[in-house]
Amino acid sequence: MKQRDLVKKLEEAGFVFYRHGGSHDIYIRAGEIEQIPRHKEINERLAKAILKKWGI
């Protein structure tokens, strides 16, 4: 999955960009934190796990 597609889905669920980490971007929603790897392509299993974690 493309990183921008994953970020778009997270933002639609209420997450907002917080800051850049070492090799990840940090997104937050009401105190909940998610780290997204800064790669053009994100492994499908990882992307699905992130979405499932937040019920997206």
Protein backbone atom coordinates (compact mmCIF):
# COMPACT_ATOMS: atom_id res chain seq x y z
CA MET A 1 0.00 0.00 0.00
CA LYS A 2 1.26 3.47 -0.75
CA GLN A 3 2.13 5.52 2.32
CA ARG A 4 -0.05 8.43 1.22
CA ASP A 5 -3.08 6.09 0.94
CA LEU A 6 -2.54 4.82 4.48
CA VAL A 7 -2.08 8.36 5.81
CA LYS A 8 -5.25 9.48 4.02
CA LYS A 9 -7.26 6.69 5.70
CA LEU A 10 -5.82 7.59 9.10
CA GLU A 11 -6.60 11.28 8.61
CA GLU A 12 -10.19 10.41 7.61
CA ALA A 13 -10.43 8.53 10.92
CA GLY A 14 -9.40 11.64 12.86
CA PHE A 15 -5.62 11.31 13.12
CA VAL A 16 -3.53 14.42 12.55
CA PHE A 17 0.17 14.77 11.78
CA TYR A 18 2.13 15.46 14.96
CA ARG A 19 5.83 15.33 14.08
CA HIS A 20 8.60 13.57 12.17
CA GLY A 21 10.49 10.85 13.99
CA GLY A 22 13.79 9.29 12.95
CA SER A 23 12.38 7.22 10.10
CA HIS A 24 8.66 7.42 10.93
CA ASP A 25 5.96 10.08 10.92
CA ILE A 26 3.93 10.36 14.10
CA TYR A 27 0.15 10.82 13.97
CA ILE A 28 -2.10 11.40 16.98
CA ARG A 29 -5.82 11.29 17.78
CA ALA A 30 -7.10 12.17 21.26
CA GLY A 31 -3.93 10.93 22.95
CA GLU A 32 -3.61 7.83 20.74
CA ILE A 33 -0.34 7.61 18.82
CA GLU A 34 0.47 5.79 15.57
CA GLN A 35 3.86 5.66 13.88
CA ILE A 36 3.92 5.34 10.09
CA PRO A 37 7.16 4.33 8.34
CA ARG A 38 8.42 6.99 5.95
CA HIS A 39 8.60 4.80 2.81
CA LYS A 40 6.78 5.20 -0.48
CA GLU A 41 5.46 1.64 -0.20
CA ILE A 42 4.39 0.09 3.10
CA ASN A 43 4.15 -3.68 3.48
CA GLU A 44 0.53 -4.81 3.00
CA ARG A 45 0.53 -6.86 6.21
CA LEU A 46 1.76 -3.88 8.23
CA ALA A 47 -0.76 -1.50 6.64
CA LYS A 48 -3.65 -3.89 7.29
CA ALA A 49 -2.50 -4.39 10.90
CA ILE A 50 -2.40 -0.62 11.50
CA LEU A 51 -5.88 -0.16 10.03
CA LYS A 52 -7.26 -3.12 11.99
CA LYS A 53 -5.73 -1.78 15.20
CA TRP A 54 -7.84 1.38 14.90
CA GLY A 55 -10.95 -0.29 13.45
CA ILE A 56 -10.62 1.37 10.06
